[in-house]
Amino acid sequence: MRPIKHLAIVLVLSLLVLAGCDEIGQLGGLGGLGDYGNVSNDIVGEVRDIDTRAREIEIRTDSGRTSRIRYDVDTQVIYRQRNYPVGNLERGDYVAARVQQDRDGRNYTNTITVREAAQDRASIGGKRIDRIEGRVEYIDGRRGTFEIRDSRNRLMVVSVPFNAPRAVVDRFNRLRNGDEVRIEGYAVSSDRFDLESFL
């Protein structure tokens, strides 16, 4: 009788161990060790730099830490429920980047959500609207920016907002070097300007 009891106990314990291993295996499916494709988190902060050649974005978090995150041609930027290419990002945008690790352990993202665009952040606090005019010197269609030289020979980088009205986008798409333009918007700094409309 004793050998049978021992055998029964061993069988029961074996079944319990196997069931436990199965449970552990299922937990691993949530993103176990080495499964980089399923391990993800958000890095939230301000865009400090966009390196289009290396395809990297530098983000400074609220705690002051800086992270460099890789992206590719399929990475989407989401702003107000619309998708944009990474080229529409600009310094000062406050974003949440969904970060994963590639096989080499480097951070990359395929989704960046803009929580607050740079031009929106700059205009908080009732800043007055400004008007400038000048000659178009350079157009960057991918970034949605153009440079104009004003009557004082100052060069200003003008940014078209993510949510610009169709009329503004159409006018921007028709711009050519040498065009004389009058615009209104917000001066972010001595050489940067956020466009509101063409006059």
Protein backbone atom coordinates (compact mmCIF):
# COMPACT_ATOMS: atom_id res chain seq x y z
CA MET A 1 0.00 0.00 0.00
CA ARG A 2 2.77 2.48 0.82
CA PRO A 3 4.44 2.37 -2.66
CA ILE A 4 1.06 3.16 -4.26
CA LYS A 5 0.55 6.13 -1.90
CA HIS A 6 4.03 7.42 -2.72
CA LEU A 7 3.37 6.99 -6.43
CA ALA A 8 0.08 8.88 -6.14
CA ILE A 9 1.79 11.73 -4.27
CA VAL A 10 4.57 11.92 -6.88
CA LEU A 11 2.01 11.98 -9.71
CA VAL A 12 -0.01 14.75 -8.04
CA LEU A 13 3.12 16.85 -7.41
CA SER A 14 4.29 16.32 -11.00
CA LEU A 15 0.95 17.52 -12.35
CA LEU A 16 1.07 20.61 -10.14
CA VAL A 17 4.61 21.43 -11.29
CA LEU A 18 3.64 21.01 -14.95
CA ALA A 19 0.59 23.23 -14.50
CA GLY A 20 2.80 25.85 -12.86
CA CYS A 21 5.25 25.75 -15.78
CA ASP A 22 2.38 26.23 -18.19
CA GLU A 23 1.20 29.29 -16.23
CA ILE A 24 4.73 30.71 -16.28
CA GLY A 25 4.95 30.12 -20.00
CA GLN A 26 1.72 32.04 -20.54
CA LEU A 27 3.02 34.94 -18.50
CA GLY A 28 6.08 35.03 -20.75
CA GLY A 29 3.76 35.75 -23.69
CA LEU A 30 3.05 39.15 -22.20
CA GLY A 31 6.59 40.20 -22.95
CA GLY A 32 9.10 37.83 -21.47
CA LEU A 33 12.85 38.16 -21.36
CA GLY A 34 14.37 38.45 -24.78
CA ASP A 35 11.03 39.20 -26.44
CA TYR A 36 11.95 42.78 -27.35
CA GLY A 37 9.11 43.14 -29.83
CA ASN A 38 6.53 43.00 -27.04
CA VAL A 39 8.35 45.10 -24.46
CA SER A 40 7.34 48.73 -24.83
CA ASN A 41 6.85 51.91 -22.85
CA ASP A 42 6.33 55.59 -23.46
CA ILE A 43 9.01 58.24 -23.23
CA VAL A 44 7.32 61.58 -22.62
CA GLY A 45 9.03 64.93 -23.03
CA GLU A 46 10.07 67.77 -25.28
CA VAL A 47 11.63 67.24 -28.69
CA ARG A 48 15.12 68.77 -28.52
CA ASP A 49 16.57 67.63 -31.84
CA ILE A 50 15.59 65.74 -35.00
CA ASP A 51 18.45 64.15 -36.94
CA THR A 52 16.95 63.19 -40.31
CA ARG A 53 20.20 61.65 -41.57
CA ALA A 54 20.59 59.28 -38.63
CA ARG A 55 16.81 59.01 -38.25
CA GLU A 56 16.97 59.82 -34.57
CA ILE A 57 14.90 62.04 -32.30
CA GLU A 58 16.25 63.48 -29.07
CA ILE A 59 13.67 63.88 -26.31
CA ARG A 60 14.24 65.55 -22.95
CA THR A 61 11.90 64.24 -20.26
CA ASP A 62 10.39 66.32 -17.46
CA SER A 63 13.00 64.86 -15.09
CA GLY A 64 15.77 66.29 -17.29
CA ARG A 65 16.95 63.00 -18.80
CA THR A 66 17.73 62.93 -22.51
CA SER A 67 16.92 59.97 -24.74
CA ARG A 68 17.80 59.38 -28.38
CA ILE A 69 15.21 57.28 -30.20
CA ARG A 70 15.46 55.84 -33.68
CA TYR A 71 12.61 55.94 -36.20
CA ASP A 72 12.00 54.75 -39.75
CA VAL A 73 9.84 55.59 -42.78
CA ASP A 74 6.85 53.81 -41.24
CA THR A 75 6.92 55.78 -37.98
CA GLN A 76 3.71 57.79 -37.61
CA VAL A 77 3.23 61.07 -35.79
CA ILE A 78 -0.27 61.46 -34.36
CA TYR A 79 -1.61 64.93 -33.61
CA ARG A 80 -5.29 65.61 -32.92
CA GLN A 81 -6.26 62.20 -34.30
CA ARG A 82 -4.51 62.77 -37.62
CA ASN A 83 -1.34 61.09 -38.91
CA TYR A 84 1.73 62.98 -40.09
CA PRO A 85 5.24 61.99 -41.16
CA VAL A 86 8.10 62.45 -38.68
CA GLY A 87 9.29 65.39 -40.79
CA ASN A 88 6.40 67.44 -39.36
CA LEU A 89 7.86 67.29 -35.86
CA GLU A 90 9.77 70.32 -34.65
CA ARG A 91 11.83 71.31 -31.66
CA GLY A 92 9.64 72.20 -28.72
CA ASP A 93 6.86 69.72 -29.47
CA TYR A 94 5.77 67.90 -26.31
CA VAL A 95 5.38 64.24 -27.26
CA ALA A 96 4.90 60.69 -26.04
CA ALA A 97 6.96 58.20 -28.03
CA ARG A 98 6.01 54.51 -27.83
CA VAL A 99 9.46 52.98 -27.43
CA GLN A 100 10.57 49.42 -28.10
CA GLN A 101 13.98 47.80 -28.41
CA ASP A 102 15.33 46.30 -31.60
CA ARG A 103 17.44 43.15 -31.71
CA ASP A 104 20.56 45.19 -30.98
CA GLY A 105 18.98 46.64 -27.83
CA ARG A 106 18.59 50.14 -29.29
CA ASN A 107 15.47 52.19 -28.65
CA TYR A 108 13.17 52.82 -31.59
CA THR A 109 9.61 54.08 -32.04
CA ASN A 110 6.89 53.54 -34.59
CA THR A 111 4.32 55.84 -32.96
CA ILE A 112 4.79 59.37 -31.64
CA THR A 113 1.81 61.20 -30.18
CA VAL A 114 2.07 64.99 -30.06
CA ARG A 115 0.46 66.07 -26.80
CA GLU A 116 1.18 69.74 -27.38
CA ALA A 117 2.65 71.30 -30.51
CA ALA A 118 5.45 73.84 -30.16
CA GLN A 119 3.36 76.63 -31.68
CA ASP A 120 0.54 75.96 -29.21
CA ARG A 121 2.95 76.02 -26.29
CA ALA A 122 4.51 79.25 -27.52
CA SER A 123 1.16 81.01 -27.84
CA ILE A 124 -0.05 80.18 -24.32
CA GLY A 125 -0.51 83.25 -22.18
CA GLY A 126 -2.17 85.55 -24.71
CA LYS A 127 0.90 86.44 -26.76
CA ARG A 128 0.18 89.14 -29.28
CA ILE A 129 0.03 88.28 -32.92
CA ASP A 130 2.84 89.68 -35.11
CA ARG A 131 3.12 90.45 -38.81
CA ILE A 132 6.23 90.20 -40.92
CA GLU A 133 7.01 90.38 -44.60
CA GLY A 134 9.99 89.43 -46.70
CA ARG A 135 11.41 87.32 -49.50
CA VAL A 136 11.32 83.51 -49.42
CA GLU A 137 14.88 82.15 -49.32
CA TYR A 138 14.39 78.43 -48.67
CA ILE A 139 11.46 75.96 -48.44
CA ASP A 140 11.52 72.65 -46.56
CA GLY A 141 8.35 70.83 -47.58
CA ARG A 142 9.10 67.80 -45.41
CA ARG A 143 9.37 69.81 -42.21
CA GLY A 144 6.67 72.29 -43.14
CA THR A 145 8.98 75.29 -42.79
CA PHE A 146 10.30 78.09 -44.95
CA GLU A 147 12.82 80.87 -44.45
CA ILE A 148 12.22 84.50 -45.29
CA ARG A 149 14.55 87.49 -45.24
CA ASP A 150 12.88 90.66 -43.98
CA SER A 151 13.58 94.31 -44.84
CA ARG A 152 16.24 94.46 -42.08
CA ASN A 153 18.05 91.52 -43.72
CA ARG A 154 17.12 89.18 -40.85
CA LEU A 155 16.53 85.54 -41.74
CA MET A 156 13.43 84.02 -40.09
CA VAL A 157 12.45 80.35 -40.04
CA VAL A 158 8.67 80.13 -40.36
CA SER A 159 6.84 76.97 -39.23
CA VAL A 160 3.48 75.91 -40.64
CA PRO A 161 1.33 74.40 -37.85
CA PHE A 162 0.20 70.76 -37.87
CA ASN A 163 -3.44 71.79 -37.94
CA ALA A 164 -3.12 74.58 -40.48
CA PRO A 165 -6.27 75.36 -42.51
CA ARG A 166 -6.37 74.01 -46.06
CA ALA A 167 -5.92 77.54 -47.49
CA VAL A 168 -2.65 77.96 -45.57
CA VAL A 169 -1.37 74.52 -46.62
CA ASP A 170 -2.24 75.22 -50.28
CA ARG A 171 -0.47 78.59 -50.16
CA PHE A 172 2.59 76.98 -48.56
CA ASN A 173 2.67 74.31 -51.27
CA ARG A 174 2.68 77.03 -53.95
CA LEU A 175 5.60 78.94 -52.39
CA ARG A 176 8.74 79.39 -54.49
CA ASN A 177 12.14 80.83 -53.66
CA GLY A 178 12.09 84.56 -54.33
CA ASP A 179 8.37 85.03 -53.56
CA GLU A 180 7.50 88.13 -51.54
CA VAL A 181 5.15 87.23 -48.68
CA ARG A 182 3.30 88.91 -45.82
CA ILE A 183 2.37 86.66 -42.92
CA GLU A 184 1.03 86.82 -39.40
CA GLY A 185 1.64 84.59 -36.41
CA TYR A 186 3.75 84.39 -33.28
CA ALA A 187 7.44 85.16 -32.84
CA VAL A 188 8.94 82.26 -30.88
CA SER A 189 12.42 83.79 -30.82
CA SER A 190 14.45 86.37 -32.74
CA ASP A 191 14.76 84.01 -35.70
CA ARG A 192 11.77 81.65 -35.42
CA PHE A 193 8.16 82.40 -36.27
CA ASP A 194 4.99 80.27 -36.03
CA LEU A 195 2.68 80.93 -38.94
CA GLU A 196 -1.02 81.61 -38.46
CA SER A 197 -1.97 82.87 -41.92
CA PHE A 198 -0.77 84.43 -45.13
CA LEU A 199 -1.93 88.01 -45.79
